[in-house]
PDB file of N, CA and C in Angstrom:
ATOM      1  N   MET A   1      84.421 118.471  55.464  1.00  0.00           N
ATOM      2  CA  MET A   1      85.500 119.434  55.480  1.00  0.00           C
ATOM      3  C   MET A   1      86.646 118.839  56.298  1.00  0.00           C
ATOM      4  N   THR A   2      87.873 118.977  55.796  1.00  0.00           N
ATOM      5  CA  THR A   2      89.050 118.483  56.499  1.00  0.00           C
ATOM      6  C   THR A   2      89.586 119.559  57.448  1.00  0.00           C
ATOM      7  N   VAL A   3      90.481 119.160  58.322  1.00  0.00           N
ATOM      8  CA  VAL A   3      91.080 120.104  59.265  1.00  0.00           C
ATOM      9  C   VAL A   3      91.832 121.203  58.519  1.00  0.00           C
ATOM     10  N   GLY A   4      92.594 120.818  57.491  1.00  0.00           N
ATOM     11  CA  GLY A   4      93.358 121.806  56.719  1.00  0.00           C
ATOM     12  C   GLY A   4      92.470 122.870  56.098  1.00  0.00           C
ATOM     13  N   ILE A   5      91.365 122.447  55.533  1.00  0.00           N
ATOM     14  CA  ILE A   5      90.428 123.393  54.925  1.00  0.00           C
ATOM     15  C   ILE A   5      89.777 124.251  55.999  1.00  0.00           C
ATOM     16  N   ALA A   6      89.443 123.647  57.127  1.00  0.00           N
ATOM     17  CA  ALA A   6      88.828 124.402  58.223  1.00  0.00           C
ATOM     18  C   ALA A   6      89.778 125.479  58.745  1.00  0.00           C
ATOM     19  N   VAL A   7      91.056 125.135  58.896  1.00  0.00           N
ATOM     20  CA  VAL A   7      92.040 126.117  59.362  1.00  0.00           C
ATOM     21  C   VAL A   7      92.160 127.251  58.355  1.00  0.00           C
ATOM     22  N   LYS A   8      92.232 126.907  57.083  1.00  0.00           N
ATOM     23  CA  LYS A   8      92.299 127.922  56.026  1.00  0.00           C
ATOM     24  C   LYS A   8      91.093 128.856  56.098  1.00  0.00           C
ATOM     25  N   GLU A   9      89.897 128.274  56.197  1.00  0.00           N
ATOM     26  CA  GLU A   9      88.676 129.085  56.260  1.00  0.00           C
ATOM     27  C   GLU A   9      88.667 129.981  57.492  1.00  0.00           C
ATOM     28  N   ARG A  10      89.145 129.454  58.614  1.00  0.00           N
ATOM     29  CA  ARG A  10      89.168 130.259  59.842  1.00  0.00           C
ATOM     30  C   ARG A  10      90.150 131.415  59.718  1.00  0.00           C
ATOM     31  N   ILE A  11      91.312 131.171  59.121  1.00  0.00           N
ATOM     32  CA  ILE A  11      92.284 132.248  58.917  1.00  0.00           C
ATOM     33  C   ILE A  11      91.679 133.337  58.039  1.00  0.00           C
ATOM     34  N   LEU A  12      91.047 132.937  56.948  1.00  0.00           N
ATOM     35  CA  LEU A  12      90.427 133.923  56.055  1.00  0.00           C
ATOM     36  C   LEU A  12      89.305 134.682  56.756  1.00  0.00           C
ATOM     37  N   GLU A  13      88.540 133.985  57.583  1.00  0.00           N
ATOM     38  CA  GLU A  13      87.459 134.609  58.344  1.00  0.00           C
ATOM     39  C   GLU A  13      88.024 135.662  59.310  1.00  0.00           C
ATOM     40  N   LEU A  14      89.076 135.312  60.022  1.00  0.00           N
ATOM     41  CA  LEU A  14      89.685 136.248  60.969  1.00  0.00           C
ATOM     42  C   LEU A  14      90.296 137.450  60.254  1.00  0.00           C
ATOM     43  N   CYS A  15      90.910 137.217  59.101  1.00  0.00           N
ATOM     44  CA  CYS A  15      91.470 138.331  58.322  1.00  0.00           C
ATOM     45  C   CYS A  15      90.360 139.273  57.869  1.00  0.00           C
ATOM     46  N   GLU A  16      89.258 138.702  57.398  1.00  0.00           N
ATOM     47  CA  GLU A  16      88.138 139.523  56.944  1.00  0.00           C
ATOM     48  C   GLU A  16      87.553 140.342  58.092  1.00  0.00           C
ATOM     49  N   GLU A  17      87.380 139.706  59.254  1.00  0.00           N
ATOM     50  CA  GLU A  17      86.836 140.413  60.417  1.00  0.00           C
ATOM     51  C   GLU A  17      87.696 141.611  60.815  1.00  0.00           C
ATOM     52  N   ARG A  18      89.007 141.475  60.611  1.00  0.00           N
ATOM     53  CA  ARG A  18      89.937 142.527  61.028  1.00  0.00           C
ATOM     54  C   ARG A  18      90.418 143.393  59.873  1.00  0.00           C
ATOM     55  N   ASP A  19      89.852 143.171  58.696  1.00  0.00           N
ATOM     56  CA  ASP A  19      90.233 143.907  57.483  1.00  0.00           C
ATOM     57  C   ASP A  19      91.744 143.816  57.238  1.00  0.00           C
ATOM     58  N   LEU A  20      92.258 142.589  57.335  1.00  0.00           N
ATOM     59  CA  LEU A  20      93.676 142.323  57.116  1.00  0.00           C
ATOM     60  C   LEU A  20      93.867 141.504  55.850  1.00  0.00           C
ATOM     61  N   SER A  21      94.916 141.791  55.130  1.00  0.00           N
ATOM     62  CA  SER A  21      95.291 140.935  54.013  1.00  0.00           C
ATOM     63  C   SER A  21      96.105 139.769  54.568  1.00  0.00           C
ATOM     64  N   VAL A  22      96.229 138.718  53.794  1.00  0.00           N
ATOM     65  CA  VAL A  22      97.048 137.580  54.196  1.00  0.00           C
ATOM     66  C   VAL A  22      98.502 138.024  54.346  1.00  0.00           C
ATOM     67  N   ASN A  23      98.952 138.903  53.466  1.00  0.00           N
ATOM     68  CA  ASN A  23     100.326 139.406  53.559  1.00  0.00           C
ATOM     69  C   ASN A  23     100.553 140.174  54.856  1.00  0.00           C
ATOM     70  N   LYS A  24      99.603 140.975  55.264  1.00  0.00           N
ATOM     71  CA  LYS A  24      99.710 141.713  56.525  1.00  0.00           C
ATOM     72  C   LYS A  24      99.733 140.738  57.697  1.00  0.00           C
ATOM     73  N   LEU A  25      98.928 139.689  57.631  1.00  0.00           N
ATOM     74  CA  LEU A  25      98.920 138.681  58.681  1.00  0.00           C
ATOM     75  C   LEU A  25     100.292 138.021  58.793  1.00  0.00           C
ATOM     76  N   CYS A  26     100.930 137.758  57.667  1.00  0.00           N
ATOM     77  CA  CYS A  26     102.289 137.190  57.689  1.00  0.00           C
ATOM     78  C   CYS A  26     103.231 138.120  58.440  1.00  0.00           C
ATOM     79  N   MET A  27     103.152 139.385  58.144  1.00  0.00           N
ATOM     80  CA  MET A  27     104.050 140.363  58.763  1.00  0.00           C
ATOM     81  C   MET A  27     103.841 140.441  60.269  1.00  0.00           C
ATOM     82  N   ILE A  28     102.599 140.516  60.723  1.00  0.00           N
ATOM     83  CA  ILE A  28     102.356 140.690  62.151  1.00  0.00           C
ATOM     84  C   ILE A  28     102.520 139.387  62.928  1.00  0.00           C
ATOM     85  N   SER A  29     102.514 138.247  62.212  1.00  0.00           N
ATOM     86  CA  SER A  29     102.653 136.956  62.873  1.00  0.00           C
ATOM     87  C   SER A  29     104.064 136.390  62.809  1.00  0.00           C
ATOM     88  N   GLY A  30     104.882 136.955  61.927  1.00  0.00           N
ATOM     89  CA  GLY A  30     106.237 136.441  61.767  1.00  0.00           C
ATOM     90  C   GLY A  30     106.295 135.109  61.043  1.00  0.00           C
ATOM     91  N   ILE A  31     105.304 134.876  60.207  1.00  0.00           N
ATOM     92  CA  ILE A  31     105.243 133.635  59.427  1.00  0.00           C
ATOM     93  C   ILE A  31     105.703 133.948  58.005  1.00  0.00           C
ATOM     94  N   PRO A  32     106.542 133.083  57.426  1.00  0.00           N
ATOM     95  CA  PRO A  32     106.929 133.316  56.033  1.00  0.00           C
ATOM     96  C   PRO A  32     105.702 133.376  55.122  1.00  0.00           C
ATOM     97  N   GLN A  33     105.734 134.300  54.200  1.00  0.00           N
ATOM     98  CA  GLN A  33     104.604 134.474  53.292  1.00  0.00           C
ATOM     99  C   GLN A  33     104.316 133.190  52.522  1.00  0.00           C
ATOM    100  N   SER A  34     105.367 132.479  52.145  1.00  0.00           N
ATOM    101  CA  SER A  34     105.176 131.232  51.388  1.00  0.00           C
ATOM    102  C   SER A  34     104.403 130.194  52.200  1.00  0.00           C
ATOM    103  N   THR A  35     104.647 130.139  53.496  1.00  0.00           N
ATOM    104  CA  THR A  35     103.945 129.183  54.359  1.00  0.00           C
ATOM    105  C   THR A  35     102.448 129.450  54.351  1.00  0.00           C
ATOM    106  N   LEU A  36     102.077 130.698  54.574  1.00  0.00           N
ATOM    107  CA  LEU A  36     100.655 131.034  54.621  1.00  0.00           C
ATOM    108  C   LEU A  36     100.017 130.962  53.235  1.00  0.00           C
ATOM    109  N   ASN A  37     100.737 131.391  52.216  1.00  0.00           N
ATOM    110  CA  ASN A  37     100.197 131.309  50.858  1.00  0.00           C
ATOM    111  C   ASN A  37      99.933 129.858  50.447  1.00  0.00           C
ATOM    112  N   ASN A  38     100.846 128.945  50.819  1.00  0.00           N
ATOM    113  CA  ASN A  38     100.644 127.528  50.496  1.00  0.00           C
ATOM    114  C   ASN A  38      99.432 126.962  51.223  1.00  0.00           C
ATOM    115  N   LEU A  39      99.212 127.397  52.430  1.00  0.00           N
ATOM    116  CA  LEU A  39      98.047 126.949  53.194  1.00  0.00           C
ATOM    117  C   LEU A  39      96.756 127.491  52.592  1.00  0.00           C
ATOM    118  N   ILE A  40      96.744 128.780  52.293  1.00  0.00           N
ATOM    119  CA  ILE A  40      95.541 129.423  51.750  1.00  0.00           C
ATOM    120  C   ILE A  40      95.199 128.893  50.354  1.00  0.00           C
ATOM    121  N   SER A  41      96.216 128.627  49.554  1.00  0.00           N
ATOM    122  CA  SER A  41      95.981 128.160  48.186  1.00  0.00           C
ATOM    123  C   SER A  41      95.601 126.684  48.122  1.00  0.00           C
ATOM    124  N   GLY A  42      95.831 125.957  49.219  1.00  0.00           N
ATOM    125  CA  GLY A  42      95.512 124.535  49.224  1.00  0.00           C
ATOM    126  C   GLY A  42      96.677 123.652  48.822  1.00  0.00           C
ATOM    127  N   ARG A  43      97.839 124.242  48.519  1.00  0.00           N
ATOM    128  CA  ARG A  43      99.011 123.423  48.179  1.00  0.00           C
ATOM    129  C   ARG A  43      99.507 122.640  49.387  1.00  0.00           C
ATOM    130  N   ASN A  44      99.196 123.140  50.585  1.00  0.00           N
ATOM    131  CA  ASN A  44      99.579 122.465  51.815  1.00  0.00           C
ATOM    132  C   ASN A  44      98.377 122.464  52.750  1.00  0.00           C
ATOM    133  N   ASN A  45      97.857 121.290  53.021  1.00  0.00           N
ATOM    134  CA  ASN A  45      96.694 121.179  53.906  1.00  0.00           C
ATOM    135  C   ASN A  45      97.082 120.805  55.327  1.00  0.00           C
ATOM    136  N   SER A  46      98.371 120.820  55.604  1.00  0.00           N
ATOM    137  CA  SER A  46      98.858 120.456  56.924  1.00  0.00           C
ATOM    138  C   SER A  46      99.501 121.681  57.569  1.00  0.00           C
ATOM    139  N   VAL A  47      99.023 122.035  58.738  1.00  0.00           N
ATOM    140  CA  VAL A  47      99.562 123.192  59.442  1.00  0.00           C
ATOM    141  C   VAL A  47      99.889 122.770  60.865  1.00  0.00           C
ATOM    142  N   THR A  48     101.001 123.273  61.389  1.00  0.00           N
ATOM    143  CA  THR A  48     101.383 122.902  62.745  1.00  0.00           C
ATOM    144  C   THR A  48     100.681 123.804  63.762  1.00  0.00           C
ATOM    145  N   VAL A  49     100.574 123.288  64.974  1.00  0.00           N
ATOM    146  CA  VAL A  49     100.004 124.092  66.055  1.00  0.00           C
ATOM    147  C   VAL A  49     100.885 125.305  66.301  1.00  0.00           C
ATOM    148  N   SER A  50     102.183 125.148  66.119  1.00  0.00           N
ATOM    149  CA  SER A  50     103.112 126.259  66.289  1.00  0.00           C
ATOM    150  C   SER A  50     102.796 127.404  65.322  1.00  0.00           C
ATOM    151  N   THR A  51     102.483 127.072  64.087  1.00  0.00           N
ATOM    152  CA  THR A  51     102.116 128.096  63.103  1.00  0.00           C
ATOM    153  C   THR A  51     100.796 128.760  63.489  1.00  0.00           C
ATOM    154  N   ILE A  52      99.827 127.966  63.913  1.00  0.00           N
ATOM    155  CA  ILE A  52      98.549 128.540  64.342  1.00  0.00           C
ATOM    156  C   ILE A  52      98.756 129.452  65.544  1.00  0.00           C
ATOM    157  N   LYS A  53      99.642 129.052  66.462  1.00  0.00           N
ATOM    158  CA  LYS A  53      99.931 129.879  67.638  1.00  0.00           C
ATOM    159  C   LYS A  53     100.532 131.210  67.222  1.00  0.00           C
ATOM    160  N   LYS A  54     101.420 131.208  66.242  1.00  0.00           N
ATOM    161  CA  LYS A  54     102.004 132.458  65.748  1.00  0.00           C
ATOM    162  C   LYS A  54     100.923 133.352  65.137  1.00  0.00           C
ATOM    163  N   ILE A  55     100.010 132.753  64.410  1.00  0.00           N
ATOM    164  CA  ILE A  55      98.894 133.512  63.835  1.00  0.00           C
ATOM    165  C   ILE A  55      98.071 134.131  64.962  1.00  0.00           C
ATOM    166  N   CYS A  56      97.773 133.328  65.969  1.00  0.00           N
ATOM    167  CA  CYS A  56      96.998 133.824  67.116  1.00  0.00           C
ATOM    168  C   CYS A  56      97.726 134.968  67.808  1.00  0.00           C
ATOM    169  N   ASP A  57      99.026 134.822  68.012  1.00  0.00           N
ATOM    170  CA  ASP A  57      99.807 135.879  68.651  1.00  0.00           C
ATOM    171  C   ASP A  57      99.743 137.166  67.831  1.00  0.00           C
ATOM    172  N   GLY A  58      99.865 137.038  66.523  1.00  0.00           N
ATOM    173  CA  GLY A  58      99.792 138.207  65.651  1.00  0.00           C
ATOM    174  C   GLY A  58      98.433 138.886  65.698  1.00  0.00           C
ATOM    175  N   LEU A  59      97.392 138.089  65.859  1.00  0.00           N
ATOM    176  CA  LEU A  59      96.033 138.625  65.909  1.00  0.00           C
ATOM    177  C   LEU A  59      95.623 139.035  67.324  1.00  0.00           C
ATOM    178  N   GLY A  60      96.435 138.654  68.303  1.00  0.00           N
ATOM    179  CA  GLY A  60      96.107 138.995  69.684  1.00  0.00           C
ATOM    180  C   GLY A  60      94.969 138.165  70.247  1.00  0.00           C
ATOM    181  N   ILE A  61      94.899 136.890  69.804  1.00  0.00           N
ATOM    182  CA  ILE A  61      93.861 135.987  70.303  1.00  0.00           C
ATOM    183  C   ILE A  61      94.517 134.720  70.839  1.00  0.00           C
ATOM    184  N   SER A  62      93.752 133.944  71.586  1.00  0.00           N
ATOM    185  CA  SER A  62      94.255 132.678  72.123  1.00  0.00           C
ATOM    186  C   SER A  62      93.963 131.550  71.132  1.00  0.00           C
ATOM    187  N   LEU A  63      94.626 130.421  71.354  1.00  0.00           N
ATOM    188  CA  LEU A  63      94.315 129.235  70.552  1.00  0.00           C
ATOM    189  C   LEU A  63      92.852 128.836  70.728  1.00  0.00           C
ATOM    190  N   GLU A  64      92.365 128.970  71.950  1.00  0.00           N
ATOM    191  CA  GLU A  64      90.963 128.646  72.220  1.00  0.00           C
ATOM    192  C   GLU A  64      90.041 129.504  71.358  1.00  0.00           C
ATOM    193  N   GLU A  65      90.347 130.795  71.250  1.00  0.00           N
ATOM    194  CA  GLU A  65      89.523 131.673  70.412  1.00  0.00           C
ATOM    195  C   GLU A  65      89.611 131.278  68.945  1.00  0.00           C
ATOM    196  N   PHE A  66      90.799 130.876  68.508  1.00  0.00           N
ATOM    197  CA  PHE A  66      90.968 130.472  67.114  1.00  0.00           C
ATOM    198  C   PHE A  66      90.047 129.296  66.791  1.00  0.00           C
ATOM    199  N   PHE A  67      90.044 128.292  67.675  1.00  0.00           N
ATOM    200  CA  PHE A  67      89.273 127.078  67.412  1.00  0.00           C
ATOM    201  C   PHE A  67      87.812 127.178  67.839  1.00  0.00           C
ATOM    202  N   HIS A  68      87.438 128.272  68.485  1.00  0.00           N
ATOM    203  CA  HIS A  68      86.048 128.461  68.906  1.00  0.00           C
ATOM    204  C   HIS A  68      85.249 129.035  67.727  1.00  0.00           C
ATOM    205  N   SER A  69      84.910 128.151  66.820  1.00  0.00           N
ATOM    206  CA  SER A  69      84.201 128.547  65.602  1.00  0.00           C
ATOM    207  C   SER A  69      83.382 127.357  65.118  1.00  0.00           C
ATOM    208  N   ASP A  70      82.239 127.657  64.532  1.00  0.00           N
ATOM    209  CA  ASP A  70      81.397 126.600  63.970  1.00  0.00           C
ATOM    210  C   ASP A  70      82.125 125.798  62.896  1.00  0.00           C
ATOM    211  N   ILE A  71      83.125 126.400  62.271  1.00  0.00           N
ATOM    212  CA  ILE A  71      83.890 125.708  61.224  1.00  0.00           C
ATOM    213  C   ILE A  71      84.443 124.390  61.752  1.00  0.00           C
ATOM    214  N   PHE A  72      84.885 124.380  62.999  1.00  0.00           N
ATOM    215  CA  PHE A  72      85.507 123.182  63.560  1.00  0.00           C
ATOM    216  C   PHE A  72      84.493 122.189  64.123  1.00  0.00           C
ATOM    217  N   ARG A  73      83.246 122.557  64.160  1.00  0.00           N
ATOM    218  CA  ARG A  73      82.214 121.651  64.665  1.00  0.00           C
ATOM    219  C   ARG A  73      81.693 120.702  63.586  1.00  0.00           C
ATOM    220  N   ILE A  74      81.999 120.994  62.329  1.00  0.00           N
ATOM    221  CA  ILE A  74      81.466 120.191  61.228  1.00  0.00           C
ATOM    222  C   ILE A  74      82.554 119.402  60.498  1.00  0.00           C
ATOM    223  N   LEU A  75      83.658 119.131  61.174  1.00  0.00           N
ATOM    224  CA  LEU A  75      84.745 118.410  60.536  1.00  0.00           C
ATOM    225  C   LEU A  75      84.376 116.962  60.280  1.00  0.00           C
ATOM    226  N   GLU A  76      84.906 116.437  59.174  1.00  0.00           N
ATOM    227  CA  GLU A  76      84.702 115.028  58.836  1.00  0.00           C
ATOM    228  C   GLU A  76      85.618 114.172  59.690  1.00  0.00           C
ATOM    229  N   GLN A  77      85.248 112.931  59.842  1.00  0.00           N
ATOM    230  CA  GLN A  77      86.127 111.946  60.479  1.00  0.00           C
ATOM    231  C   GLN A  77      87.317 111.757  59.558  1.00  0.00           C
ATOM    232  N   GLU A  78      88.535 111.949  60.045  1.00  0.00           N
ATOM    233  CA  GLU A  78      89.736 111.840  59.213  1.00  0.00           C
ATOM    234  C   GLU A  78      90.164 110.392  59.026  1.00  0.00           C
ATOM    235  N   ILE A  79      89.944 109.558  60.048  1.00  0.00           N
ATOM    236  CA  ILE A  79      90.315 108.141  59.954  1.00  0.00           C
ATOM    237  C   ILE A  79      89.039 107.336  59.799  1.00  0.00           C
ATOM    238  N   LYS A  80      88.992 106.556  58.746  1.00  0.00           N
ATOM    239  CA  LYS A  80      87.776 105.771  58.474  1.00  0.00           C
ATOM    240  C   LYS A  80      88.085 104.312  58.418  1.00  0.00           C
TER     241      LYS A  80
END
């Protein structure tokens, strides 16, 4: 699993836990809908820490909480 896919999966996991749609997450995070839709759809596998921070702020969690997930423990080596 790549970092981009892991971030996507974590966002979807957090939305499901909070019964939020991706569109609602955009609204509460102040992220353009196109940005999050491109990430979720896989058209963009690169996300900035700034965008993740906005998501965390919208969800009321820290960056540490965002990355504290088994999803990030099974990442592949990106440079081979």
